[in-house]
């Protein structure tokens, strides 16, 4: 997740779900 976020110049938009593991 940090890898993808780090290569984006503007604030990243992430789509996930409400039932993910706490590490996500």
PDBML (XML) file of the C-alpha atoms, coordinates in Angstrom:
<?xml version="1.0" encoding="UTF-8" ?>
<PDBx:datablock datablockName="MODEL"
   xmlns:PDBx="http://pdbml.pdb.org/schema/pdbx-v50.xsd"
   xmlns:xsi="http://www.w3.org/2001/XMLSchema-instance"
   xsi:schemaLocation="http://pdbml.pdb.org/schema/pdbx-v50.xsd pdbx-v50.xsd">
   <PDBx:atom_siteCategory>
      <PDBx:atom_site id="1">
         <PDBx:B_iso_or_equiv>0.00</PDBx:B_iso_or_equiv>
         <PDBx:Cartn_x>0.000</PDBx:Cartn_x>
         <PDBx:Cartn_y>0.000</PDBx:Cartn_y>
         <PDBx:Cartn_z>0.000</PDBx:Cartn_z>
         <PDBx:auth_asym_id>A</PDBx:auth_asym_id>
         <PDBx:auth_atom_id>CA</PDBx:auth_atom_id>
         <PDBx:auth_comp_id>UNK</PDBx:auth_comp_id>
         <PDBx:auth_seq_id>1</PDBx:auth_seq_id>
         <PDBx:group_PDB>ATOM</PDBx:group_PDB>
         <PDBx:label_alt_id xsi:nil="true" />
         <PDBx:label_asym_id>A</PDBx:label_asym_id>
         <PDBx:label_atom_id>CA</PDBx:label_atom_id>
         <PDBx:label_comp_id>UNK</PDBx:label_comp_id>
         <PDBx:label_entity_id>1</PDBx:label_entity_id>
         <PDBx:label_seq_id>1</PDBx:label_seq_id>
         <PDBx:occupancy>1.00</PDBx:occupancy>
         <PDBx:pdbx_PDB_model_num>1</PDBx:pdbx_PDB_model_num>
         <PDBx:type_symbol>C</PDBx:type_symbol>
      </PDBx:atom_site>
      <PDBx:atom_site id="2">
         <PDBx:B_iso_or_equiv>0.00</PDBx:B_iso_or_equiv>
         <PDBx:Cartn_x>2.816</PDBx:Cartn_x>
         <PDBx:Cartn_y>2.423</PDBx:Cartn_y>
         <PDBx:Cartn_z>0.845</PDBx:Cartn_z>
         <PDBx:auth_asym_id>A</PDBx:auth_asym_id>
         <PDBx:auth_atom_id>CA</PDBx:auth_atom_id>
         <PDBx:auth_comp_id>UNK</PDBx:auth_comp_id>
         <PDBx:auth_seq_id>2</PDBx:auth_seq_id>
         <PDBx:group_PDB>ATOM</PDBx:group_PDB>
         <PDBx:label_alt_id xsi:nil="true" />
         <PDBx:label_asym_id>A</PDBx:label_asym_id>
         <PDBx:label_atom_id>CA</PDBx:label_atom_id>
         <PDBx:label_comp_id>UNK</PDBx:label_comp_id>
         <PDBx:label_entity_id>1</PDBx:label_entity_id>
         <PDBx:label_seq_id>2</PDBx:label_seq_id>
         <PDBx:occupancy>1.00</PDBx:occupancy>
         <PDBx:pdbx_PDB_model_num>1</PDBx:pdbx_PDB_model_num>
         <PDBx:type_symbol>C</PDBx:type_symbol>
      </PDBx:atom_site>
      <PDBx:atom_site id="3">
         <PDBx:B_iso_or_equiv>0.00</PDBx:B_iso_or_equiv>
         <PDBx:Cartn_x>4.612</PDBx:Cartn_x>
         <PDBx:Cartn_y>1.521</PDBx:Cartn_y>
         <PDBx:Cartn_z>-2.402</PDBx:Cartn_z>
         <PDBx:auth_asym_id>A</PDBx:auth_asym_id>
         <PDBx:auth_atom_id>CA</PDBx:auth_atom_id>
         <PDBx:auth_comp_id>UNK</PDBx:auth_comp_id>
         <PDBx:auth_seq_id>3</PDBx:auth_seq_id>
         <PDBx:group_PDB>ATOM</PDBx:group_PDB>
         <PDBx:label_alt_id xsi:nil="true" />
         <PDBx:label_asym_id>A</PDBx:label_asym_id>
         <PDBx:label_atom_id>CA</PDBx:label_atom_id>
         <PDBx:label_comp_id>UNK</PDBx:label_comp_id>
         <PDBx:label_entity_id>1</PDBx:label_entity_id>
         <PDBx:label_seq_id>3</PDBx:label_seq_id>
         <PDBx:occupancy>1.00</PDBx:occupancy>
         <PDBx:pdbx_PDB_model_num>1</PDBx:pdbx_PDB_model_num>
         <PDBx:type_symbol>C</PDBx:type_symbol>
      </PDBx:atom_site>
      <PDBx:atom_site id="4">
         <PDBx:B_iso_or_equiv>0.00</PDBx:B_iso_or_equiv>
         <PDBx:Cartn_x>1.639</PDBx:Cartn_x>
         <PDBx:Cartn_y>2.534</PDBx:Cartn_y>
         <PDBx:Cartn_z>-4.503</PDBx:Cartn_z>
         <PDBx:auth_asym_id>A</PDBx:auth_asym_id>
         <PDBx:auth_atom_id>CA</PDBx:auth_atom_id>
         <PDBx:auth_comp_id>UNK</PDBx:auth_comp_id>
         <PDBx:auth_seq_id>4</PDBx:auth_seq_id>
         <PDBx:group_PDB>ATOM</PDBx:group_PDB>
         <PDBx:label_alt_id xsi:nil="true" />
         <PDBx:label_asym_id>A</PDBx:label_asym_id>
         <PDBx:label_atom_id>CA</PDBx:label_atom_id>
         <PDBx:label_comp_id>UNK</PDBx:label_comp_id>
         <PDBx:label_entity_id>1</PDBx:label_entity_id>
         <PDBx:label_seq_id>4</PDBx:label_seq_id>
         <PDBx:occupancy>1.00</PDBx:occupancy>
         <PDBx:pdbx_PDB_model_num>1</PDBx:pdbx_PDB_model_num>
         <PDBx:type_symbol>C</PDBx:type_symbol>
      </PDBx:atom_site>
      <PDBx:atom_site id="5">
         <PDBx:B_iso_or_equiv>0.00</PDBx:B_iso_or_equiv>
         <PDBx:Cartn_x>0.999</PDBx:Cartn_x>
         <PDBx:Cartn_y>5.662</PDBx:Cartn_y>
         <PDBx:Cartn_z>-2.446</PDBx:Cartn_z>
         <PDBx:auth_asym_id>A</PDBx:auth_asym_id>
         <PDBx:auth_atom_id>CA</PDBx:auth_atom_id>
         <PDBx:auth_comp_id>UNK</PDBx:auth_comp_id>
         <PDBx:auth_seq_id>5</PDBx:auth_seq_id>
         <PDBx:group_PDB>ATOM</PDBx:group_PDB>
         <PDBx:label_alt_id xsi:nil="true" />
         <PDBx:label_asym_id>A</PDBx:label_asym_id>
         <PDBx:label_atom_id>CA</PDBx:label_atom_id>
         <PDBx:label_comp_id>UNK</PDBx:label_comp_id>
         <PDBx:label_entity_id>1</PDBx:label_entity_id>
         <PDBx:label_seq_id>5</PDBx:label_seq_id>
         <PDBx:occupancy>1.00</PDBx:occupancy>
         <PDBx:pdbx_PDB_model_num>1</PDBx:pdbx_PDB_model_num>
         <PDBx:type_symbol>C</PDBx:type_symbol>
      </PDBx:atom_site>
      <PDBx:atom_site id="6">
         <PDBx:B_iso_or_equiv>0.00</PDBx:B_iso_or_equiv>
         <PDBx:Cartn_x>4.636</PDBx:Cartn_x>
         <PDBx:Cartn_y>6.782</PDBx:Cartn_y>
         <PDBx:Cartn_z>-2.636</PDBx:Cartn_z>
         <PDBx:auth_asym_id>A</PDBx:auth_asym_id>
         <PDBx:auth_atom_id>CA</PDBx:auth_atom_id>
         <PDBx:auth_comp_id>UNK</PDBx:auth_comp_id>
         <PDBx:auth_seq_id>6</PDBx:auth_seq_id>
         <PDBx:group_PDB>ATOM</PDBx:group_PDB>
         <PDBx:label_alt_id xsi:nil="true" />
         <PDBx:label_asym_id>A</PDBx:label_asym_id>
         <PDBx:label_atom_id>CA</PDBx:label_atom_id>
         <PDBx:label_comp_id>UNK</PDBx:label_comp_id>
         <PDBx:label_entity_id>1</PDBx:label_entity_id>
         <PDBx:label_seq_id>6</PDBx:label_seq_id>
         <PDBx:occupancy>1.00</PDBx:occupancy>
         <PDBx:pdbx_PDB_model_num>1</PDBx:pdbx_PDB_model_num>
         <PDBx:type_symbol>C</PDBx:type_symbol>
      </PDBx:atom_site>
      <PDBx:atom_site id="7">
         <PDBx:B_iso_or_equiv>0.00</PDBx:B_iso_or_equiv>
         <PDBx:Cartn_x>4.782</PDBx:Cartn_x>
         <PDBx:Cartn_y>7.039</PDBx:Cartn_y>
         <PDBx:Cartn_z>-6.425</PDBx:Cartn_z>
         <PDBx:auth_asym_id>A</PDBx:auth_asym_id>
         <PDBx:auth_atom_id>CA</PDBx:auth_atom_id>
         <PDBx:auth_comp_id>UNK</PDBx:auth_comp_id>
         <PDBx:auth_seq_id>7</PDBx:auth_seq_id>
         <PDBx:group_PDB>ATOM</PDBx:group_PDB>
         <PDBx:label_alt_id xsi:nil="true" />
         <PDBx:label_asym_id>A</PDBx:label_asym_id>
         <PDBx:label_atom_id>CA</PDBx:label_atom_id>
         <PDBx:label_comp_id>UNK</PDBx:label_comp_id>
         <PDBx:label_entity_id>1</PDBx:label_entity_id>
         <PDBx:label_seq_id>7</PDBx:label_seq_id>
         <PDBx:occupancy>1.00</PDBx:occupancy>
         <PDBx:pdbx_PDB_model_num>1</PDBx:pdbx_PDB_model_num>
         <PDBx:type_symbol>C</PDBx:type_symbol>
      </PDBx:atom_site>
      <PDBx:atom_site id="8">
         <PDBx:B_iso_or_equiv>0.00</PDBx:B_iso_or_equiv>
         <PDBx:Cartn_x>1.701</PDBx:Cartn_x>
         <PDBx:Cartn_y>9.269</PDBx:Cartn_y>
         <PDBx:Cartn_z>-6.731</PDBx:Cartn_z>
         <PDBx:auth_asym_id>A</PDBx:auth_asym_id>
         <PDBx:auth_atom_id>CA</PDBx:auth_atom_id>
         <PDBx:auth_comp_id>UNK</PDBx:auth_comp_id>
         <PDBx:auth_seq_id>8</PDBx:auth_seq_id>
         <PDBx:group_PDB>ATOM</PDBx:group_PDB>
         <PDBx:label_alt_id xsi:nil="true" />
         <PDBx:label_asym_id>A</PDBx:label_asym_id>
         <PDBx:label_atom_id>CA</PDBx:label_atom_id>
         <PDBx:label_comp_id>UNK</PDBx:label_comp_id>
         <PDBx:label_entity_id>1</PDBx:label_entity_id>
         <PDBx:label_seq_id>8</PDBx:label_seq_id>
         <PDBx:occupancy>1.00</PDBx:occupancy>
         <PDBx:pdbx_PDB_model_num>1</PDBx:pdbx_PDB_model_num>
         <PDBx:type_symbol>C</PDBx:type_symbol>
      </PDBx:atom_site>
      <PDBx:atom_site id="9">
         <PDBx:B_iso_or_equiv>0.00</PDBx:B_iso_or_equiv>
         <PDBx:Cartn_x>2.495</PDBx:Cartn_x>
         <PDBx:Cartn_y>12.986</PDBx:Cartn_y>
         <PDBx:Cartn_z>-6.859</PDBx:Cartn_z>
         <PDBx:auth_asym_id>A</PDBx:auth_asym_id>
         <PDBx:auth_atom_id>CA</PDBx:auth_atom_id>
         <PDBx:auth_comp_id>UNK</PDBx:auth_comp_id>
         <PDBx:auth_seq_id>9</PDBx:auth_seq_id>
         <PDBx:group_PDB>ATOM</PDBx:group_PDB>
         <PDBx:label_alt_id xsi:nil="true" />
         <PDBx:label_asym_id>A</PDBx:label_asym_id>
         <PDBx:label_atom_id>CA</PDBx:label_atom_id>
         <PDBx:label_comp_id>UNK</PDBx:label_comp_id>
         <PDBx:label_entity_id>1</PDBx:label_entity_id>
         <PDBx:label_seq_id>9</PDBx:label_seq_id>
         <PDBx:occupancy>1.00</PDBx:occupancy>
         <PDBx:pdbx_PDB_model_num>1</PDBx:pdbx_PDB_model_num>
         <PDBx:type_symbol>C</PDBx:type_symbol>
      </PDBx:atom_site>
      <PDBx:atom_site id="10">
         <PDBx:B_iso_or_equiv>0.00</PDBx:B_iso_or_equiv>
         <PDBx:Cartn_x>-0.936</PDBx:Cartn_x>
         <PDBx:Cartn_y>14.200</PDBx:Cartn_y>
         <PDBx:Cartn_z>-5.727</PDBx:Cartn_z>
         <PDBx:auth_asym_id>A</PDBx:auth_asym_id>
         <PDBx:auth_atom_id>CA</PDBx:auth_atom_id>
         <PDBx:auth_comp_id>UNK</PDBx:auth_comp_id>
         <PDBx:auth_seq_id>10</PDBx:auth_seq_id>
         <PDBx:group_PDB>ATOM</PDBx:group_PDB>
         <PDBx:label_alt_id xsi:nil="true" />
         <PDBx:label_asym_id>A</PDBx:label_asym_id>
         <PDBx:label_atom_id>CA</PDBx:label_atom_id>
         <PDBx:label_comp_id>UNK</PDBx:label_comp_id>
         <PDBx:label_entity_id>1</PDBx:label_entity_id>
         <PDBx:label_seq_id>10</PDBx:label_seq_id>
         <PDBx:occupancy>1.00</PDBx:occupancy>
         <PDBx:pdbx_PDB_model_num>1</PDBx:pdbx_PDB_model_num>
         <PDBx:type_symbol>C</PDBx:type_symbol>
      </PDBx:atom_site>
      <PDBx:atom_site id="11">
         <PDBx:B_iso_or_equiv>0.00</PDBx:B_iso_or_equiv>
         <PDBx:Cartn_x>-2.860</PDBx:Cartn_x>
         <PDBx:Cartn_y>12.800</PDBx:Cartn_y>
         <PDBx:Cartn_z>-2.721</PDBx:Cartn_z>
         <PDBx:auth_asym_id>A</PDBx:auth_asym_id>
         <PDBx:auth_atom_id>CA</PDBx:auth_atom_id>
         <PDBx:auth_comp_id>UNK</PDBx:auth_comp_id>
         <PDBx:auth_seq_id>11</PDBx:auth_seq_id>
         <PDBx:group_PDB>ATOM</PDBx:group_PDB>
         <PDBx:label_alt_id xsi:nil="true" />
         <PDBx:label_asym_id>A</PDBx:label_asym_id>
         <PDBx:label_atom_id>CA</PDBx:label_atom_id>
         <PDBx:label_comp_id>UNK</PDBx:label_comp_id>
         <PDBx:label_entity_id>1</PDBx:label_entity_id>
         <PDBx:label_seq_id>11</PDBx:label_seq_id>
         <PDBx:occupancy>1.00</PDBx:occupancy>
         <PDBx:pdbx_PDB_model_num>1</PDBx:pdbx_PDB_model_num>
         <PDBx:type_symbol>C</PDBx:type_symbol>
      </PDBx:atom_site>
      <PDBx:atom_site id="12">
         <PDBx:B_iso_or_equiv>0.00</PDBx:B_iso_or_equiv>
         <PDBx:Cartn_x>-3.674</PDBx:Cartn_x>
         <PDBx:Cartn_y>9.181</PDBx:Cartn_y>
         <PDBx:Cartn_z>-3.494</PDBx:Cartn_z>
         <PDBx:auth_asym_id>A</PDBx:auth_asym_id>
         <PDBx:auth_atom_id>CA</PDBx:auth_atom_id>
         <PDBx:auth_comp_id>UNK</PDBx:auth_comp_id>
         <PDBx:auth_seq_id>12</PDBx:auth_seq_id>
         <PDBx:group_PDB>ATOM</PDBx:group_PDB>
         <PDBx:label_alt_id xsi:nil="true" />
         <PDBx:label_asym_id>A</PDBx:label_asym_id>
         <PDBx:label_atom_id>CA</PDBx:label_atom_id>
         <PDBx:label_comp_id>UNK</PDBx:label_comp_id>
         <PDBx:label_entity_id>1</PDBx:label_entity_id>
         <PDBx:label_seq_id>12</PDBx:label_seq_id>
         <PDBx:occupancy>1.00</PDBx:occupancy>
         <PDBx:pdbx_PDB_model_num>1</PDBx:pdbx_PDB_model_num>
         <PDBx:type_symbol>C</PDBx:type_symbol>
      </PDBx:atom_site>
      <PDBx:atom_site id="13">
         <PDBx:B_iso_or_equiv>0.00</PDBx:B_iso_or_equiv>
         <PDBx:Cartn_x>-7.184</PDBx:Cartn_x>
         <PDBx:Cartn_y>7.726</PDBx:Cartn_y>
         <PDBx:Cartn_z>-3.693</PDBx:Cartn_z>
         <PDBx:auth_asym_id>A</PDBx:auth_asym_id>
         <PDBx:auth_atom_id>CA</PDBx:auth_atom_id>
         <PDBx:auth_comp_id>UNK</PDBx:auth_comp_id>
         <PDBx:auth_seq_id>13</PDBx:auth_seq_id>
         <PDBx:group_PDB>ATOM</PDBx:group_PDB>
         <PDBx:label_alt_id xsi:nil="true" />
         <PDBx:label_asym_id>A</PDBx:label_asym_id>
         <PDBx:label_atom_id>CA</PDBx:label_atom_id>
         <PDBx:label_comp_id>UNK</PDBx:label_comp_id>
         <PDBx:label_entity_id>1</PDBx:label_entity_id>
         <PDBx:label_seq_id>13</PDBx:label_seq_id>
         <PDBx:occupancy>1.00</PDBx:occupancy>
         <PDBx:pdbx_PDB_model_num>1</PDBx:pdbx_PDB_model_num>
         <PDBx:type_symbol>C</PDBx:type_symbol>
      </PDBx:atom_site>
      <PDBx:atom_site id="14">
         <PDBx:B_iso_or_equiv>0.00</PDBx:B_iso_or_equiv>
         <PDBx:Cartn_x>-7.506</PDBx:Cartn_x>
         <PDBx:Cartn_y>4.174</PDBx:Cartn_y>
         <PDBx:Cartn_z>-2.394</PDBx:Cartn_z>
         <PDBx:auth_asym_id>A</PDBx:auth_asym_id>
         <PDBx:auth_atom_id>CA</PDBx:auth_atom_id>
         <PDBx:auth_comp_id>UNK</PDBx:auth_comp_id>
         <PDBx:auth_seq_id>14</PDBx:auth_seq_id>
         <PDBx:group_PDB>ATOM</PDBx:group_PDB>
         <PDBx:label_alt_id xsi:nil="true" />
         <PDBx:label_asym_id>A</PDBx:label_asym_id>
         <PDBx:label_atom_id>CA</PDBx:label_atom_id>
         <PDBx:label_comp_id>UNK</PDBx:label_comp_id>
         <PDBx:label_entity_id>1</PDBx:label_entity_id>
         <PDBx:label_seq_id>14</PDBx:label_seq_id>
         <PDBx:occupancy>1.00</PDBx:occupancy>
         <PDBx:pdbx_PDB_model_num>1</PDBx:pdbx_PDB_model_num>
         <PDBx:type_symbol>C</PDBx:type_symbol>
      </PDBx:atom_site>
      <PDBx:atom_site id="15">
         <PDBx:B_iso_or_equiv>0.00</PDBx:B_iso_or_equiv>
         <PDBx:Cartn_x>-10.560</PDBx:Cartn_x>
         <PDBx:Cartn_y>1.946</PDBx:Cartn_y>
         <PDBx:Cartn_z>-2.589</PDBx:Cartn_z>
         <PDBx:auth_asym_id>A</PDBx:auth_asym_id>
         <PDBx:auth_atom_id>CA</PDBx:auth_atom_id>
         <PDBx:auth_comp_id>UNK</PDBx:auth_comp_id>
         <PDBx:auth_seq_id>15</PDBx:auth_seq_id>
         <PDBx:group_PDB>ATOM</PDBx:group_PDB>
         <PDBx:label_alt_id xsi:nil="true" />
         <PDBx:label_asym_id>A</PDBx:label_asym_id>
         <PDBx:label_atom_id>CA</PDBx:label_atom_id>
         <PDBx:label_comp_id>UNK</PDBx:label_comp_id>
         <PDBx:label_entity_id>1</PDBx:label_entity_id>
         <PDBx:label_seq_id>15</PDBx:label_seq_id>
         <PDBx:occupancy>1.00</PDBx:occupancy>
         <PDBx:pdbx_PDB_model_num>1</PDBx:pdbx_PDB_model_num>
         <PDBx:type_symbol>C</PDBx:type_symbol>
      </PDBx:atom_site>
      <PDBx:atom_site id="16">
         <PDBx:B_iso_or_equiv>0.00</PDBx:B_iso_or_equiv>
         <PDBx:Cartn_x>-10.893</PDBx:Cartn_x>
         <PDBx:Cartn_y>-0.746</PDBx:Cartn_y>
         <PDBx:Cartn_z>0.050</PDBx:Cartn_z>
         <PDBx:auth_asym_id>A</PDBx:auth_asym_id>
         <PDBx:auth_atom_id>CA</PDBx:auth_atom_id>
         <PDBx:auth_comp_id>UNK</PDBx:auth_comp_id>
         <PDBx:auth_seq_id>16</PDBx:auth_seq_id>
         <PDBx:group_PDB>ATOM</PDBx:group_PDB>
         <PDBx:label_alt_id xsi:nil="true" />
         <PDBx:label_asym_id>A</PDBx:label_asym_id>
         <PDBx:label_atom_id>CA</PDBx:label_atom_id>
         <PDBx:label_comp_id>UNK</PDBx:label_comp_id>
         <PDBx:label_entity_id>1</PDBx:label_entity_id>
         <PDBx:label_seq_id>16</PDBx:label_seq_id>
         <PDBx:occupancy>1.00</PDBx:occupancy>
         <PDBx:pdbx_PDB_model_num>1</PDBx:pdbx_PDB_model_num>
         <PDBx:type_symbol>C</PDBx:type_symbol>
      </PDBx:atom_site>
      <PDBx:atom_site id="17">
         <PDBx:B_iso_or_equiv>0.00</PDBx:B_iso_or_equiv>
         <PDBx:Cartn_x>-13.720</PDBx:Cartn_x>
         <PDBx:Cartn_y>-2.305</PDBx:Cartn_y>
         <PDBx:Cartn_z>2.078</PDBx:Cartn_z>
         <PDBx:auth_asym_id>A</PDBx:auth_asym_id>
         <PDBx:auth_atom_id>CA</PDBx:auth_atom_id>
         <PDBx:auth_comp_id>UNK</PDBx:auth_comp_id>
         <PDBx:auth_seq_id>17</PDBx:auth_seq_id>
         <PDBx:group_PDB>ATOM</PDBx:group_PDB>
         <PDBx:label_alt_id xsi:nil="true" />
         <PDBx:label_asym_id>A</PDBx:label_asym_id>
         <PDBx:label_atom_id>CA</PDBx:label_atom_id>
         <PDBx:label_comp_id>UNK</PDBx:label_comp_id>
         <PDBx:label_entity_id>1</PDBx:label_entity_id>
         <PDBx:label_seq_id>17</PDBx:label_seq_id>
         <PDBx:occupancy>1.00</PDBx:occupancy>
         <PDBx:pdbx_PDB_model_num>1</PDBx:pdbx_PDB_model_num>
         <PDBx:type_symbol>C</PDBx:type_symbol>
      </PDBx:atom_site>
      <PDBx:atom_site id="18">
         <PDBx:B_iso_or_equiv>0.00</PDBx:B_iso_or_equiv>
         <PDBx:Cartn_x>-15.103</PDBx:Cartn_x>
         <PDBx:Cartn_y>-2.096</PDBx:Cartn_y>
         <PDBx:Cartn_z>5.589</PDBx:Cartn_z>
         <PDBx:auth_asym_id>A</PDBx:auth_asym_id>
         <PDBx:auth_atom_id>CA</PDBx:auth_atom_id>
         <PDBx:auth_comp_id>UNK</PDBx:auth_comp_id>
         <PDBx:auth_seq_id>18</PDBx:auth_seq_id>
         <PDBx:group_PDB>ATOM</PDBx:group_PDB>
         <PDBx:label_alt_id xsi:nil="true" />
         <PDBx:label_asym_id>A</PDBx:label_asym_id>
         <PDBx:label_atom_id>CA</PDBx:label_atom_id>
         <PDBx:label_comp_id>UNK</PDBx:label_comp_id>
         <PDBx:label_entity_id>1</PDBx:label_entity_id>
         <PDBx:label_seq_id>18</PDBx:label_seq_id>
         <PDBx:occupancy>1.00</PDBx:occupancy>
         <PDBx:pdbx_PDB_model_num>1</PDBx:pdbx_PDB_model_num>
         <PDBx:type_symbol>C</PDBx:type_symbol>
      </PDBx:atom_site>
      <PDBx:atom_site id="19">
         <PDBx:B_iso_or_equiv>0.00</PDBx:B_iso_or_equiv>
         <PDBx:Cartn_x>-14.229</PDBx:Cartn_x>
         <PDBx:Cartn_y>-5.748</PDBx:Cartn_y>
         <PDBx:Cartn_z>6.325</PDBx:Cartn_z>
         <PDBx:auth_asym_id>A</PDBx:auth_asym_id>
         <PDBx:auth_atom_id>CA</PDBx:auth_atom_id>
         <PDBx:auth_comp_id>UNK</PDBx:auth_comp_id>
         <PDBx:auth_seq_id>19</PDBx:auth_seq_id>
         <PDBx:group_PDB>ATOM</PDBx:group_PDB>
         <PDBx:label_alt_id xsi:nil="true" />
         <PDBx:label_asym_id>A</PDBx:label_asym_id>
         <PDBx:label_atom_id>CA</PDBx:label_atom_id>
         <PDBx:label_comp_id>UNK</PDBx:label_comp_id>
         <PDBx:label_entity_id>1</PDBx:label_entity_id>
         <PDBx:label_seq_id>19</PDBx:label_seq_id>
         <PDBx:occupancy>1.00</PDBx:occupancy>
         <PDBx:pdbx_PDB_model_num>1</PDBx:pdbx_PDB_model_num>
         <PDBx:type_symbol>C</PDBx:type_symbol>
      </PDBx:atom_site>
      <PDBx:atom_site id="20">
         <PDBx:B_iso_or_equiv>0.00</PDBx:B_iso_or_equiv>
         <PDBx:Cartn_x>-10.475</PDBx:Cartn_x>
         <PDBx:Cartn_y>-5.691</PDBx:Cartn_y>
         <PDBx:Cartn_z>5.685</PDBx:Cartn_z>
         <PDBx:auth_asym_id>A</PDBx:auth_asym_id>
         <PDBx:auth_atom_id>CA</PDBx:auth_atom_id>
         <PDBx:auth_comp_id>UNK</PDBx:auth_comp_id>
         <PDBx:auth_seq_id>20</PDBx:auth_seq_id>
         <PDBx:group_PDB>ATOM</PDBx:group_PDB>
         <PDBx:label_alt_id xsi:nil="true" />
         <PDBx:label_asym_id>A</PDBx:label_asym_id>
         <PDBx:label_atom_id>CA</PDBx:label_atom_id>
         <PDBx:label_comp_id>UNK</PDBx:label_comp_id>
         <PDBx:label_entity_id>1</PDBx:label_entity_id>
         <PDBx:label_seq_id>20</PDBx:label_seq_id>
         <PDBx:occupancy>1.00</PDBx:occupancy>
         <PDBx:pdbx_PDB_model_num>1</PDBx:pdbx_PDB_model_num>
         <PDBx:type_symbol>C</PDBx:type_symbol>
      </PDBx:atom_site>
      <PDBx:atom_site id="21">
         <PDBx:B_iso_or_equiv>0.00</PDBx:B_iso_or_equiv>
         <PDBx:Cartn_x>-7.832</PDBx:Cartn_x>
         <PDBx:Cartn_y>-6.912</PDBx:Cartn_y>
         <PDBx:Cartn_z>8.097</PDBx:Cartn_z>
         <PDBx:auth_asym_id>A</PDBx:auth_asym_id>
         <PDBx:auth_atom_id>CA</PDBx:auth_atom_id>
         <PDBx:auth_comp_id>UNK</PDBx:auth_comp_id>
         <PDBx:auth_seq_id>21</PDBx:auth_seq_id>
         <PDBx:group_PDB>ATOM</PDBx:group_PDB>
         <PDBx:label_alt_id xsi:nil="true" />
         <PDBx:label_asym_id>A</PDBx:label_asym_id>
         <PDBx:label_atom_id>CA</PDBx:label_atom_id>
         <PDBx:label_comp_id>UNK</PDBx:label_comp_id>
         <PDBx:label_entity_id>1</PDBx:label_entity_id>
         <PDBx:label_seq_id>21</PDBx:label_seq_id>
         <PDBx:occupancy>1.00</PDBx:occupancy>
         <PDBx:pdbx_PDB_model_num>1</PDBx:pdbx_PDB_model_num>
         <PDBx:type_symbol>C</PDBx:type_symbol>
      </PDBx:atom_site>
      <PDBx:atom_site id="22">
         <PDBx:B_iso_or_equiv>0.00</PDBx:B_iso_or_equiv>
         <PDBx:Cartn_x>-6.558</PDBx:Cartn_x>
         <PDBx:Cartn_y>-4.278</PDBx:Cartn_y>
         <PDBx:Cartn_z>10.529</PDBx:Cartn_z>
         <PDBx:auth_asym_id>A</PDBx:auth_asym_id>
         <PDBx:auth_atom_id>CA</PDBx:auth_atom_id>
         <PDBx:auth_comp_id>UNK</PDBx:auth_comp_id>
         <PDBx:auth_seq_id>22</PDBx:auth_seq_id>
         <PDBx:group_PDB>ATOM</PDBx:group_PDB>
         <PDBx:label_alt_id xsi:nil="true" />
         <PDBx:label_asym_id>A</PDBx:label_asym_id>
         <PDBx:label_atom_id>CA</PDBx:label_atom_id>
         <PDBx:label_comp_id>UNK</PDBx:label_comp_id>
         <PDBx:label_entity_id>1</PDBx:label_entity_id>
         <PDBx:label_seq_id>22</PDBx:label_seq_id>
         <PDBx:occupancy>1.00</PDBx:occupancy>
         <PDBx:pdbx_PDB_model_num>1</PDBx:pdbx_PDB_model_num>
         <PDBx:type_symbol>C</PDBx:type_symbol>
      </PDBx:atom_site>
      <PDBx:atom_site id="23">
         <PDBx:B_iso_or_equiv>0.00</PDBx:B_iso_or_equiv>
         <PDBx:Cartn_x>-3.182</PDBx:Cartn_x>
         <PDBx:Cartn_y>-4.174</PDBx:Cartn_y>
         <PDBx:Cartn_z>8.752</PDBx:Cartn_z>
         <PDBx:auth_asym_id>A</PDBx:auth_asym_id>
         <PDBx:auth_atom_id>CA</PDBx:auth_atom_id>
         <PDBx:auth_comp_id>UNK</PDBx:auth_comp_id>
         <PDBx:auth_seq_id>23</PDBx:auth_seq_id>
         <PDBx:group_PDB>ATOM</PDBx:group_PDB>
         <PDBx:label_alt_id xsi:nil="true" />
         <PDBx:label_asym_id>A</PDBx:label_asym_id>
         <PDBx:label_atom_id>CA</PDBx:label_atom_id>
         <PDBx:label_comp_id>UNK</PDBx:label_comp_id>
         <PDBx:label_entity_id>1</PDBx:label_entity_id>
         <PDBx:label_seq_id>23</PDBx:label_seq_id>
         <PDBx:occupancy>1.00</PDBx:occupancy>
         <PDBx:pdbx_PDB_model_num>1</PDBx:pdbx_PDB_model_num>
         <PDBx:type_symbol>C</PDBx:type_symbol>
      </PDBx:atom_site>
      <PDBx:atom_site id="24">
         <PDBx:B_iso_or_equiv>0.00</PDBx:B_iso_or_equiv>
         <PDBx:Cartn_x>-4.955</PDBx:Cartn_x>
         <PDBx:Cartn_y>-2.769</PDBx:Cartn_y>
         <PDBx:Cartn_z>5.688</PDBx:Cartn_z>
         <PDBx:auth_asym_id>A</PDBx:auth_asym_id>
         <PDBx:auth_atom_id>CA</PDBx:auth_atom_id>
         <PDBx:auth_comp_id>UNK</PDBx:auth_comp_id>
         <PDBx:auth_seq_id>24</PDBx:auth_seq_id>
         <PDBx:group_PDB>ATOM</PDBx:group_PDB>
         <PDBx:label_alt_id xsi:nil="true" />
         <PDBx:label_asym_id>A</PDBx:label_asym_id>
         <PDBx:label_atom_id>CA</PDBx:label_atom_id>
         <PDBx:label_comp_id>UNK</PDBx:label_comp_id>
         <PDBx:label_entity_id>1</PDBx:label_entity_id>
         <PDBx:label_seq_id>24</PDBx:label_seq_id>
         <PDBx:occupancy>1.00</PDBx:occupancy>
         <PDBx:pdbx_PDB_model_num>1</PDBx:pdbx_PDB_model_num>
         <PDBx:type_symbol>C</PDBx:type_symbol>
      </PDBx:atom_site>
   </PDBx:atom_siteCategory>
</PDBx:datablock>
